Amino acid sequence: MEDWHHRPAEFTAGDLAGDLAGIEAHLQANVSFIVWLYGSVFILGFILLAAFTWRIQRKPLDWDEPVRRLAWRPWSLRSAAVIVLPLLAVQVLLGFAHAAFADRMPWSEPDGERALIIVQSLLFHWLCFALIAASLYLNRLPWGTAFGFSPKGIGREILWGVGIMIGVMPLLIGYNVVAQIVMNWMGYEPPVQDVTRIIHGASDVPTKVYFALLAVVIAPVVEELLFRGVLLPALTRYAGVKPAIVAVSVLFALVHGHLPSAVPLFILSAALSLAYIYRGSLVTSIAMHAFFNSMTIAVILRG
C-alpha cells in the first residue's frame, strides 16, 4: 500500500477510510487464523496431555532402560568438544567481523541483515552437520548407532513426534499467553526475532523459501543432531541424565539469542530431550522440532 502522504491531491478521506478498512480486515483475518490454528492445537493437545497423564498414573513409565541406552551412545565430552569448539570459534570470529566491517558493506540494512543470517546459518547449521558427519566417518560409526536411526521405523517415529509435540503445546501456549499478559501489564514490547522479521518482510520468493526450509527442515535436523544427539548423551555420561537435560536446555535457549523466548525454548528443549530418551530415536525429536517451527512459519507467511 502506498504512503497516503505521497498520494496526489485528489486523495480523499474516503480513500483513507477504504485503506484502513482493508488493513483492519487483513488483521482480523490473521488473528482469526492464529486463534483457529493454536486453539485447535491447544484443545487436541490438552486431550492428549490428559490421556498421557492418566496413563502414566496407572502404569508409570520405565526410564531405567532408556537412560542406559542413552548413556551407551558413542559420544563423550571429548568427541562433543571436537564439534562444539570449532562452532563456537567460528561464531565468535563472525561476531567480530560483523562488528568491524558492517558499516563498510555496500548494501542496505535489510539486505545486510538478511545476508548476515544466511552466513550465520552456513557457519552454524551446515558446518555443524559437516563436523558431525566427519566425526562419524573418522570413527567409523553408523548414523543408526550414533542417533538411533532405523529406516523401518521412521514413519512411526514421525507420528510419535507429532503426537508428543501436540501434547506439549498446551504448556507452551499457556506460558506464552500468561507471559504476554504480564508484558502488556508492564508496558514491555518484546523484540521480534531476526529470522521472523526477515521472513515476514521479504518480498522475493527465494528468500521466503530458504528461510522456511531453514526453520522447518535444516534447523530441526542439525540442532537435534547437536543438542539431543551429541551433547545430551555426552553430558549424561559425565553428570547424569537430569543435569544433562537442564544443561542442554539452557544452551538450547541461549543459542537462539532471544530473551523473551528463553523460558518456552527451555521447556521445548526439555520435552525434546525426554522424547528422545524414551523413544530412543532422534527422528522423534526432529519431528517434534519441525512441527513446532512449522506452526510459527505458517503464522509468519500468513502475514
C-alpha atoms as a PDB file:
ATOM      1  CA  MET A   1       0.000   0.000   0.000  1.00  0.00           C
ATOM      2  CA  GLU A   2       1.344   3.462  -0.915  1.00  0.00           C
ATOM      3  CA  ASP A   3       2.060   6.005   1.750  1.00  0.00           C
ATOM      4  CA  TRP A   4      -1.014   8.273   1.718  1.00  0.00           C
ATOM      5  CA  HIS A   5       1.157  11.322   2.467  1.00  0.00           C
ATOM      6  CA  HIS A   6       2.604  10.991  -1.033  1.00  0.00           C
ATOM      7  CA  ARG A   7      -0.680  10.431  -2.882  1.00  0.00           C
ATOM      8  CA  PRO A   8      -1.919  13.044  -5.435  1.00  0.00           C
ATOM      9  CA  ALA A   9      -4.069  15.966  -4.340  1.00  0.00           C
ATOM     10  CA  GLU A  10      -7.294  14.213  -5.287  1.00  0.00           C
ATOM     11  CA  PHE A  11      -6.730  11.682  -2.486  1.00  0.00           C
ATOM     12  CA  THR A  12      -9.720  11.972  -0.165  1.00  0.00           C
ATOM     13  CA  ALA A  13     -10.753  10.905   3.308  1.00  0.00           C
ATOM     14  CA  GLY A  14     -12.848   8.207   1.670  1.00  0.00           C
ATOM     15  CA  ASP A  15      -9.713   6.672   0.155  1.00  0.00           C
ATOM     16  CA  LEU A  16      -8.045   6.668   3.574  1.00  0.00           C
ATOM     17  CA  ALA A  17     -11.102   5.048   5.127  1.00  0.00           C
ATOM     18  CA  GLY A  18     -11.006   2.374   2.455  1.00  0.00           C
ATOM     19  CA  ASP A  19      -7.317   1.676   3.120  1.00  0.00           C
ATOM     20  CA  LEU A  20      -7.880   1.490   6.877  1.00  0.00           C
ATOM     21  CA  ALA A  21     -10.838  -0.830   6.386  1.00  0.00           C
ATOM     22  CA  GLY A  22      -8.669  -3.103   4.251  1.00  0.00           C
ATOM     23  CA  ILE A  23      -5.935  -3.161   6.883  1.00  0.00           C
ATOM     24  CA  GLU A  24      -8.455  -3.920   9.623  1.00  0.00           C
ATOM     25  CA  ALA A  25      -9.966  -6.767   7.612  1.00  0.00           C
ATOM     26  CA  HIS A  26      -6.479  -8.170   6.960  1.00  0.00           C
ATOM     27  CA  LEU A  27      -5.599  -8.029  10.659  1.00  0.00           C
ATOM     28  CA  GLN A  28      -8.879  -9.645  11.666  1.00  0.00           C
ATOM     29  CA  ALA A  29      -8.331 -12.455   9.151  1.00  0.00           C
ATOM     30  CA  ASN A  30      -4.847 -13.102  10.506  1.00  0.00           C
ATOM     31  CA  VAL A  31      -5.998 -13.028  14.115  1.00  0.00           C
ATOM     32  CA  SER A  32      -8.777 -15.474  13.262  1.00  0.00           C
ATOM     33  CA  PHE A  33      -6.247 -17.783  11.595  1.00  0.00           C
ATOM     34  CA  ILE A  34      -3.914 -17.672  14.587  1.00  0.00           C
ATOM     35  CA  VAL A  35      -6.762 -18.303  17.041  1.00  0.00           C
ATOM     36  CA  TRP A  36      -8.055 -21.187  14.924  1.00  0.00           C
ATOM     37  CA  LEU A  37      -4.602 -22.751  14.491  1.00  0.00           C
ATOM     38  CA  TYR A  38      -3.363 -22.500  18.066  1.00  0.00           C
ATOM     39  CA  GLY A  39      -6.815 -23.023  19.544  1.00  0.00           C
ATOM     40  CA  SER A  40      -7.249 -26.299  17.669  1.00  0.00           C
ATOM     41  CA  VAL A  41      -3.783 -27.481  18.658  1.00  0.00           C
ATOM     42  CA  PHE A  42      -4.389 -26.438  22.265  1.00  0.00           C
ATOM     43  CA  ILE A  43      -7.638 -28.419  22.529  1.00  0.00           C
ATOM     44  CA  LEU A  44      -6.203 -31.520  20.860  1.00  0.00           C
ATOM     45  CA  GLY A  45      -3.015 -31.225  22.890  1.00  0.00           C
ATOM     46  CA  PHE A  46      -4.939 -30.868  26.139  1.00  0.00           C
ATOM     47  CA  ILE A  47      -6.804 -34.098  25.357  1.00  0.00           C
ATOM     48  CA  LEU A  48      -3.539 -35.919  24.589  1.00  0.00           C
ATOM     49  CA  LEU A  49      -1.862 -34.488  27.688  1.00  0.00           C
ATOM     50  CA  ALA A  50      -4.763 -35.581  29.896  1.00  0.00           C
ATOM     51  CA  ALA A  51      -4.720 -39.070  28.361  1.00  0.00           C
ATOM     52  CA  PHE A  52      -0.958 -39.325  28.861  1.00  0.00           C
ATOM     53  CA  THR A  53      -1.226 -38.177  32.481  1.00  0.00           C
ATOM     54  CA  TRP A  54      -3.957 -40.741  33.148  1.00  0.00           C
ATOM     55  CA  ARG A  55      -1.869 -43.468  31.515  1.00  0.00           C
ATOM     56  CA  ILE A  56       1.314 -42.863  33.499  1.00  0.00           C
ATOM     57  CA  GLN A  57      -0.668 -42.711  36.739  1.00  0.00           C
ATOM     58  CA  ARG A  58      -1.986 -46.179  36.031  1.00  0.00           C
ATOM     59  CA  LYS A  59       1.320 -47.502  34.705  1.00  0.00           C
ATOM     60  CA  PRO A  60       4.433 -45.356  35.358  1.00  0.00           C
ATOM     61  CA  LEU A  61       6.979 -45.165  32.570  1.00  0.00           C
ATOM     62  CA  ASP A  62      10.176 -47.189  32.909  1.00  0.00           C
ATOM     63  CA  TRP A  63      13.093 -44.797  32.419  1.00  0.00           C
ATOM     64  CA  ASP A  64      15.963 -47.053  33.507  1.00  0.00           C
ATOM     65  CA  GLU A  65      16.457 -48.820  30.191  1.00  0.00           C
ATOM     66  CA  PRO A  66      16.067 -45.662  28.029  1.00  0.00           C
ATOM     67  CA  VAL A  67      18.617 -43.802  30.187  1.00  0.00           C
ATOM     68  CA  ARG A  68      21.089 -46.691  29.940  1.00  0.00           C
ATOM     69  CA  ARG A  69      20.585 -46.750  26.184  1.00  0.00           C
ATOM     70  CA  LEU A  70      21.281 -43.005  26.028  1.00  0.00           C
ATOM     71  CA  ALA A  71      24.464 -43.328  28.088  1.00  0.00           C
ATOM     72  CA  TRP A  72      25.725 -46.008  25.705  1.00  0.00           C
ATOM     73  CA  ARG A  73      25.553 -43.694  22.711  1.00  0.00           C
ATOM     74  CA  PRO A  74      29.102 -43.269  21.349  1.00  0.00           C
ATOM     75  CA  TRP A  75      29.529 -39.638  22.443  1.00  0.00           C
ATOM     76  CA  SER A  76      31.898 -38.383  25.134  1.00  0.00           C
ATOM     77  CA  LEU A  77      32.756 -34.880  26.287  1.00  0.00           C
ATOM     78  CA  ARG A  78      35.897 -35.049  24.164  1.00  0.00           C
ATOM     79  CA  SER A  79      34.070 -36.025  20.973  1.00  0.00           C
ATOM     80  CA  ALA A  80      31.429 -33.368  21.678  1.00  0.00           C
ATOM     81  CA  ALA A  81      34.119 -30.721  22.207  1.00  0.00           C
ATOM     82  CA  VAL A  82      35.621 -31.531  18.796  1.00  0.00           C
ATOM     83  CA  ILE A  83      32.305 -30.419  17.301  1.00  0.00           C
ATOM     84  CA  VAL A  84      31.289 -27.606  19.650  1.00  0.00           C
ATOM     85  CA  LEU A  85      34.582 -25.715  19.975  1.00  0.00           C
ATOM     86  CA  PRO A  86      35.060 -25.050  16.228  1.00  0.00           C
ATOM     87  CA  LEU A  87      31.422 -23.919  16.012  1.00  0.00           C
ATOM     88  CA  LEU A  88      31.938 -21.552  18.941  1.00  0.00           C
ATOM     89  CA  ALA A  89      35.200 -20.182  17.499  1.00  0.00           C
ATOM     90  CA  VAL A  90      33.617 -19.519  14.093  1.00  0.00           C
ATOM     91  CA  GLN A  91      30.628 -17.728  15.648  1.00  0.00           C
ATOM     92  CA  VAL A  92      32.928 -15.521  17.750  1.00  0.00           C
ATOM     93  CA  LEU A  93      35.010 -14.633  14.679  1.00  0.00           C
ATOM     94  CA  LEU A  94      31.834 -13.878  12.732  1.00  0.00           C
ATOM     95  CA  GLY A  95      30.671 -11.565  15.513  1.00  0.00           C
ATOM     96  CA  PHE A  96      33.969  -9.646  15.496  1.00  0.00           C
ATOM     97  CA  ALA A  97      33.950  -9.435  11.687  1.00  0.00           C
ATOM     98  CA  HIS A  98      30.396  -8.111  11.650  1.00  0.00           C
ATOM     99  CA  ALA A  99      31.198  -5.501  14.294  1.00  0.00           C
ATOM    100  CA  ALA A 100      34.297  -4.365  12.388  1.00  0.00           C
ATOM    101  CA  PHE A 101      33.002  -4.313   8.806  1.00  0.00           C
ATOM    102  CA  ALA A 102      29.204  -3.948   8.975  1.00  0.00           C
ATOM    103  CA  ASP A 103      29.320  -0.194   8.236  1.00  0.00           C
ATOM    104  CA  ARG A 104      31.533  -0.699   5.174  1.00  0.00           C
ATOM    105  CA  MET A 105      29.316  -3.166   3.354  1.00  0.00           C
ATOM    106  CA  PRO A 106      27.672  -1.821   0.157  1.00  0.00           C
ATOM    107  CA  TRP A 107      24.105  -2.857   0.929  1.00  0.00           C
ATOM    108  CA  SER A 108      21.051  -1.570   2.701  1.00  0.00           C
ATOM    109  CA  GLU A 109      20.240  -2.537   6.274  1.00  0.00           C
ATOM    110  CA  PRO A 110      17.561  -5.158   5.379  1.00  0.00           C
ATOM    111  CA  ASP A 111      19.828  -6.766   2.787  1.00  0.00           C
ATOM    112  CA  GLY A 112      22.755  -6.748   5.192  1.00  0.00           C
ATOM    113  CA  GLU A 113      20.707  -8.329   7.967  1.00  0.00           C
ATOM    114  CA  ARG A 114      19.436 -10.982   5.561  1.00  0.00           C
ATOM    115  CA  ALA A 115      22.969 -11.737   4.357  1.00  0.00           C
ATOM    116  CA  LEU A 116      24.219 -11.994   7.956  1.00  0.00           C
ATOM    117  CA  ILE A 117      21.526 -14.528   8.889  1.00  0.00           C
ATOM    118  CA  ILE A 118      22.357 -16.612   5.818  1.00  0.00           C
ATOM    119  CA  VAL A 119      26.074 -16.542   6.647  1.00  0.00           C
ATOM    120  CA  GLN A 120      25.323 -17.458  10.267  1.00  0.00           C
ATOM    121  CA  SER A 121      23.238 -20.383   9.034  1.00  0.00           C
ATOM    122  CA  LEU A 122      26.040 -21.574   6.754  1.00  0.00           C
ATOM    123  CA  LEU A 123      28.626 -21.282   9.522  1.00  0.00           C
ATOM    124  CA  PHE A 124      26.471 -22.916  12.187  1.00  0.00           C
ATOM    125  CA  HIS A 125      23.977 -25.381  10.724  1.00  0.00           C
ATOM    126  CA  TRP A 126      25.926 -26.528   7.688  1.00  0.00           C
ATOM    127  CA  LEU A 127      29.296 -26.515   9.445  1.00  0.00           C
ATOM    128  CA  CYS A 128      27.773 -28.392  12.388  1.00  0.00           C
ATOM    129  CA  PHE A 129      26.378 -31.061  10.093  1.00  0.00           C
ATOM    130  CA  ALA A 130      29.743 -31.387   8.336  1.00  0.00           C
ATOM    131  CA  LEU A 131      31.606 -31.757  11.653  1.00  0.00           C
ATOM    132  CA  ILE A 132      29.193 -34.421  12.912  1.00  0.00           C
ATOM    133  CA  ALA A 133      29.365 -36.334   9.616  1.00  0.00           C
ATOM    134  CA  ALA A 134      33.183 -36.137   9.657  1.00  0.00           C
ATOM    135  CA  SER A 135      33.291 -37.384  13.253  1.00  0.00           C
ATOM    136  CA  LEU A 136      31.128 -40.383  12.385  1.00  0.00           C
ATOM    137  CA  TYR A 137      33.208 -41.124   9.300  1.00  0.00           C
ATOM    138  CA  LEU A 138      36.568 -40.901  11.098  1.00  0.00           C
ATOM    139  CA  ASN A 139      35.337 -43.092  13.952  1.00  0.00           C
ATOM    140  CA  ARG A 140      33.575 -45.471  11.542  1.00  0.00           C
ATOM    141  CA  LEU A 141      30.271 -45.097  13.339  1.00  0.00           C
ATOM    142  CA  PRO A 142      26.952 -45.625  11.509  1.00  0.00           C
ATOM    143  CA  TRP A 143      24.257 -42.992  11.921  1.00  0.00           C
ATOM    144  CA  GLY A 144      21.865 -45.559  13.356  1.00  0.00           C
ATOM    145  CA  THR A 145      24.250 -46.438  16.175  1.00  0.00           C
ATOM    146  CA  ALA A 146      25.001 -42.797  16.958  1.00  0.00           C
ATOM    147  CA  PHE A 147      21.438 -41.475  16.900  1.00  0.00           C
ATOM    148  CA  GLY A 148      19.053 -44.424  16.951  1.00  0.00           C
ATOM    149  CA  PHE A 149      18.032 -44.088  13.304  1.00  0.00           C
ATOM    150  CA  SER A 150      16.186 -47.034  11.809  1.00  0.00           C
ATOM    151  CA  PRO A 151      14.810 -46.863   8.237  1.00  0.00           C
ATOM    152  CA  LYS A 152      11.979 -49.248   9.107  1.00  0.00           C
ATOM    153  CA  GLY A 153      10.635 -47.139  11.949  1.00  0.00           C
ATOM    154  CA  ILE A 154      10.960 -43.599  10.560  1.00  0.00           C
ATOM    155  CA  GLY A 155       7.253 -43.182   9.797  1.00  0.00           C
ATOM    156  CA  ARG A 156       6.230 -44.457  13.219  1.00  0.00           C
ATOM    157  CA  GLU A 157       8.685 -42.139  14.997  1.00  0.00           C
ATOM    158  CA  ILE A 158       7.473 -39.145  12.984  1.00  0.00           C
ATOM    159  CA  LEU A 159       3.914 -39.848  14.130  1.00  0.00           C
ATOM    160  CA  TRP A 160       5.126 -40.234  17.703  1.00  0.00           C
ATOM    161  CA  GLY A 161       6.987 -36.934  17.421  1.00  0.00           C
ATOM    162  CA  VAL A 162       3.992 -35.021  16.093  1.00  0.00           C
ATOM    163  CA  GLY A 163       1.721 -36.546  18.742  1.00  0.00           C
ATOM    164  CA  ILE A 164       4.089 -35.754  21.605  1.00  0.00           C
ATOM    165  CA  MET A 165       4.614 -32.201  20.351  1.00  0.00           C
ATOM    166  CA  ILE A 166       0.868 -31.585  20.169  1.00  0.00           C
ATOM    167  CA  GLY A 167       0.637 -32.836  23.757  1.00  0.00           C
ATOM    168  CA  VAL A 168       3.350 -30.375  24.821  1.00  0.00           C
ATOM    169  CA  MET A 169       1.798 -27.391  23.011  1.00  0.00           C
ATOM    170  CA  PRO A 170      -0.773 -26.550  25.761  1.00  0.00           C
ATOM    171  CA  LEU A 171       2.130 -25.925  28.152  1.00  0.00           C
ATOM    172  CA  LEU A 172       3.902 -23.633  25.673  1.00  0.00           C
ATOM    173  CA  ILE A 173       0.738 -21.819  24.599  1.00  0.00           C
ATOM    174  CA  GLY A 174      -0.351 -21.369  28.206  1.00  0.00           C
ATOM    175  CA  TYR A 175       3.015 -19.923  29.196  1.00  0.00           C
ATOM    176  CA  ASN A 176       3.061 -17.554  26.209  1.00  0.00           C
ATOM    177  CA  VAL A 177      -0.429 -16.269  26.981  1.00  0.00           C
ATOM    178  CA  VAL A 178       0.467 -15.568  30.616  1.00  0.00           C
ATOM    179  CA  ALA A 179       3.819 -14.017  29.637  1.00  0.00           C
ATOM    180  CA  GLN A 180       2.128 -11.758  27.073  1.00  0.00           C
ATOM    181  CA  ILE A 181      -0.408 -10.578  29.655  1.00  0.00           C
ATOM    182  CA  VAL A 182       2.383  -9.787  32.127  1.00  0.00           C
ATOM    183  CA  MET A 183       4.471  -7.957  29.494  1.00  0.00           C
ATOM    184  CA  ASN A 184       1.436  -5.904  28.401  1.00  0.00           C
ATOM    185  CA  TRP A 185       0.772  -5.016  32.033  1.00  0.00           C
ATOM    186  CA  MET A 186       4.400  -3.916  32.414  1.00  0.00           C
ATOM    187  CA  GLY A 187       4.293  -1.950  29.172  1.00  0.00           C
ATOM    188  CA  TYR A 188       7.081  -4.046  27.658  1.00  0.00           C
ATOM    189  CA  GLU A 189       7.066  -4.784  23.935  1.00  0.00           C
ATOM    190  CA  PRO A 190       9.327  -7.787  23.249  1.00  0.00           C
ATOM    191  CA  PRO A 191      11.561  -7.558  20.165  1.00  0.00           C
ATOM    192  CA  VAL A 192      10.792  -9.771  17.203  1.00  0.00           C
ATOM    193  CA  GLN A 193      13.331 -12.461  16.343  1.00  0.00           C
ATOM    194  CA  ASP A 194      15.592 -11.596  13.399  1.00  0.00           C
ATOM    195  CA  VAL A 195      14.570 -14.583  11.282  1.00  0.00           C
ATOM    196  CA  THR A 196      10.881 -13.905  11.910  1.00  0.00           C
ATOM    197  CA  ARG A 197      11.250 -10.267  10.856  1.00  0.00           C
ATOM    198  CA  ILE A 198      13.213 -11.172   7.720  1.00  0.00           C
ATOM    199  CA  ILE A 199      10.775 -13.846   6.549  1.00  0.00           C
ATOM    200  CA  HIS A 200       7.825 -11.545   7.153  1.00  0.00           C
ATOM    201  CA  GLY A 201       9.465  -8.602   5.410  1.00  0.00           C
ATOM    202  CA  ALA A 202      10.911 -10.476   2.437  1.00  0.00           C
ATOM    203  CA  SER A 203       9.148  -9.800  -0.852  1.00  0.00           C
ATOM    204  CA  ASP A 204      11.039 -12.312  -3.010  1.00  0.00           C
ATOM    205  CA  VAL A 205      10.043 -15.963  -3.081  1.00  0.00           C
ATOM    206  CA  PRO A 206      13.604 -17.454  -2.891  1.00  0.00           C
ATOM    207  CA  THR A 207      14.264 -15.714   0.432  1.00  0.00           C
ATOM    208  CA  LYS A 208      10.979 -16.909   1.912  1.00  0.00           C
ATOM    209  CA  VAL A 209      11.590 -20.454   0.661  1.00  0.00           C
ATOM    210  CA  TYR A 210      15.155 -20.606   2.011  1.00  0.00           C
ATOM    211  CA  PHE A 211      14.255 -19.324   5.462  1.00  0.00           C
ATOM    212  CA  ALA A 212      11.175 -21.540   5.620  1.00  0.00           C
ATOM    213  CA  LEU A 213      13.346 -24.574   4.787  1.00  0.00           C
ATOM    214  CA  LEU A 214      15.887 -23.357   7.336  1.00  0.00           C
ATOM    215  CA  ALA A 215      13.229 -23.265  10.056  1.00  0.00           C
ATOM    216  CA  VAL A 216      11.289 -26.422   9.175  1.00  0.00           C
ATOM    217  CA  VAL A 217      13.998 -28.775   7.869  1.00  0.00           C
ATOM    218  CA  ILE A 218      17.600 -27.614   8.316  1.00  0.00           C
ATOM    219  CA  ALA A 219      17.411 -26.249  11.865  1.00  0.00           C
ATOM    220  CA  PRO A 220      15.393 -29.156  13.340  1.00  0.00           C
ATOM    221  CA  VAL A 221      17.732 -31.766  11.840  1.00  0.00           C
ATOM    222  CA  VAL A 222      21.033 -30.092  12.697  1.00  0.00           C
ATOM    223  CA  GLU A 223      20.048 -28.739  16.103  1.00  0.00           C
ATOM    224  CA  GLU A 224      18.671 -32.109  17.177  1.00  0.00           C
ATOM    225  CA  LEU A 225      21.845 -33.842  15.978  1.00  0.00           C
ATOM    226  CA  LEU A 226      23.902 -31.445  18.087  1.00  0.00           C
ATOM    227  CA  PHE A 227      21.864 -30.878  21.246  1.00  0.00           C
ATOM    228  CA  ARG A 228      19.997 -34.159  21.675  1.00  0.00           C
ATOM    229  CA  GLY A 229      22.172 -36.449  19.560  1.00  0.00           C
ATOM    230  CA  VAL A 230      25.657 -35.400  20.721  1.00  0.00           C
ATOM    231  CA  LEU A 231      25.534 -33.180  23.815  1.00  0.00           C
ATOM    232  CA  LEU A 232      22.773 -34.952  25.749  1.00  0.00           C
ATOM    233  CA  PRO A 233      24.422 -38.407  25.890  1.00  0.00           C
ATOM    234  CA  ALA A 234      27.884 -36.882  26.417  1.00  0.00           C
ATOM    235  CA  LEU A 235      26.700 -34.841  29.414  1.00  0.00           C
ATOM    236  CA  THR A 236      24.627 -37.764  30.716  1.00  0.00           C
ATOM    237  CA  ARG A 237      27.724 -39.958  30.874  1.00  0.00           C
ATOM    238  CA  TYR A 238      29.558 -37.172  32.714  1.00  0.00           C
ATOM    239  CA  ALA A 239      26.952 -35.715  35.111  1.00  0.00           C
ATOM    240  CA  GLY A 240      23.795 -37.833  34.949  1.00  0.00           C
ATOM    241  CA  VAL A 241      20.629 -37.513  32.915  1.00  0.00           C
ATOM    242  CA  LYS A 242      18.796 -34.789  34.890  1.00  0.00           C
ATOM    243  CA  PRO A 243      21.697 -32.281  34.950  1.00  0.00           C
ATOM    244  CA  ALA A 244      22.308 -33.116  31.285  1.00  0.00           C
ATOM    245  CA  ILE A 245      18.721 -32.251  30.324  1.00  0.00           C
ATOM    246  CA  VAL A 246      18.929 -28.956  32.241  1.00  0.00           C
ATOM    247  CA  ALA A 247      22.323 -28.030  30.753  1.00  0.00           C
ATOM    248  CA  VAL A 248      21.298 -28.874  27.188  1.00  0.00           C
ATOM    249  CA  SER A 249      18.038 -26.945  27.567  1.00  0.00           C
ATOM    250  CA  VAL A 250      19.831 -23.852  28.893  1.00  0.00           C
ATOM    251  CA  LEU A 251      22.294 -23.986  25.992  1.00  0.00           C
ATOM    252  CA  PHE A 252      19.472 -24.510  23.510  1.00  0.00           C
ATOM    253  CA  ALA A 253      17.662 -21.413  24.796  1.00  0.00           C
ATOM    254  CA  LEU A 254      20.838 -19.294  24.838  1.00  0.00           C
ATOM    255  CA  VAL A 255      21.885 -20.228  21.301  1.00  0.00           C
ATOM    256  CA  HIS A 256      18.653 -18.819  19.898  1.00  0.00           C
ATOM    257  CA  GLY A 257      19.546 -15.424  21.347  1.00  0.00           C
ATOM    258  CA  HIS A 258      16.011 -14.170  22.046  1.00  0.00           C
ATOM    259  CA  LEU A 259      15.457 -13.410  25.718  1.00  0.00           C
ATOM    260  CA  PRO A 260      11.602 -13.314  25.677  1.00  0.00           C
ATOM    261  CA  SER A 261      11.616 -16.848  24.221  1.00  0.00           C
ATOM    262  CA  ALA A 262      14.121 -18.284  26.714  1.00  0.00           C
ATOM    263  CA  VAL A 263      11.601 -19.991  29.002  1.00  0.00           C
ATOM    264  CA  PRO A 264       9.423 -21.605  26.284  1.00  0.00           C
ATOM    265  CA  LEU A 265      12.589 -22.705  24.462  1.00  0.00           C
ATOM    266  CA  PHE A 266      13.839 -24.291  27.690  1.00  0.00           C
ATOM    267  CA  ILE A 267      10.519 -26.132  28.086  1.00  0.00           C
ATOM    268  CA  LEU A 268      10.629 -27.199  24.441  1.00  0.00           C
ATOM    269  CA  SER A 269      14.191 -28.475  24.783  1.00  0.00           C
ATOM    270  CA  ALA A 270      13.340 -30.475  27.907  1.00  0.00           C
ATOM    271  CA  ALA A 271      10.396 -32.070  26.080  1.00  0.00           C
ATOM    272  CA  LEU A 272      12.598 -32.872  23.066  1.00  0.00           C
ATOM    273  CA  SER A 273      15.198 -34.439  25.349  1.00  0.00           C
ATOM    274  CA  LEU A 274      12.679 -36.598  27.212  1.00  0.00           C
ATOM    275  CA  ALA A 275      11.103 -37.743  23.949  1.00  0.00           C
ATOM    276  CA  TYR A 276      14.490 -38.731  22.522  1.00  0.00           C
ATOM    277  CA  ILE A 277      15.443 -40.605  25.683  1.00  0.00           C
ATOM    278  CA  TYR A 278      12.168 -42.503  25.897  1.00  0.00           C
ATOM    279  CA  ARG A 279      11.792 -43.350  22.197  1.00  0.00           C
ATOM    280  CA  GLY A 280      15.493 -43.904  21.551  1.00  0.00           C
ATOM    281  CA  SER A 281      15.353 -42.379  18.077  1.00  0.00           C
ATOM    282  CA  LEU A 282      16.395 -38.890  17.105  1.00  0.00           C
ATOM    283  CA  VAL A 283      13.699 -38.954  14.404  1.00  0.00           C
ATOM    284  CA  THR A 284      11.135 -38.384  17.168  1.00  0.00           C
ATOM    285  CA  SER A 285      12.669 -35.151  18.438  1.00  0.00           C
ATOM    286  CA  ILE A 286      13.379 -33.951  14.877  1.00  0.00           C
ATOM    287  CA  ALA A 287       9.697 -34.403  14.005  1.00  0.00           C
ATOM    288  CA  MET A 288       8.691 -32.542  17.182  1.00  0.00           C
ATOM    289  CA  HIS A 289      11.073 -29.677  16.427  1.00  0.00           C
ATOM    290  CA  ALA A 290       9.933 -29.448  12.790  1.00  0.00           C
ATOM    291  CA  PHE A 291       6.242 -29.439  13.773  1.00  0.00           C
ATOM    292  CA  PHE A 292       6.812 -26.676  16.328  1.00  0.00           C
ATOM    293  CA  ASN A 293       8.710 -24.493  13.845  1.00  0.00           C
ATOM    294  CA  SER A 294       6.222 -25.151  11.050  1.00  0.00           C
ATOM    295  CA  MET A 295       3.403 -23.664  13.127  1.00  0.00           C
ATOM    296  CA  THR A 296       5.413 -20.480  13.593  1.00  0.00           C
ATOM    297  CA  ILE A 297       6.297 -20.323   9.903  1.00  0.00           C
ATOM    298  CA  ALA A 298       2.628 -20.794   8.950  1.00  0.00           C
ATOM    299  CA  VAL A 299       1.692 -17.746  11.022  1.00  0.00           C
ATOM    300  CA  ILE A 300       4.575 -15.659   9.622  1.00  0.00           C
ATOM    301  CA  LEU A 301       3.818 -16.488   5.990  1.00  0.00           C
ATOM    302  CA  ARG A 302       0.162 -15.763   6.651  1.00  0.00           C
ATOM    303  CA  GLY A 303       1.314 -12.221   7.396  1.00  0.00           C
END
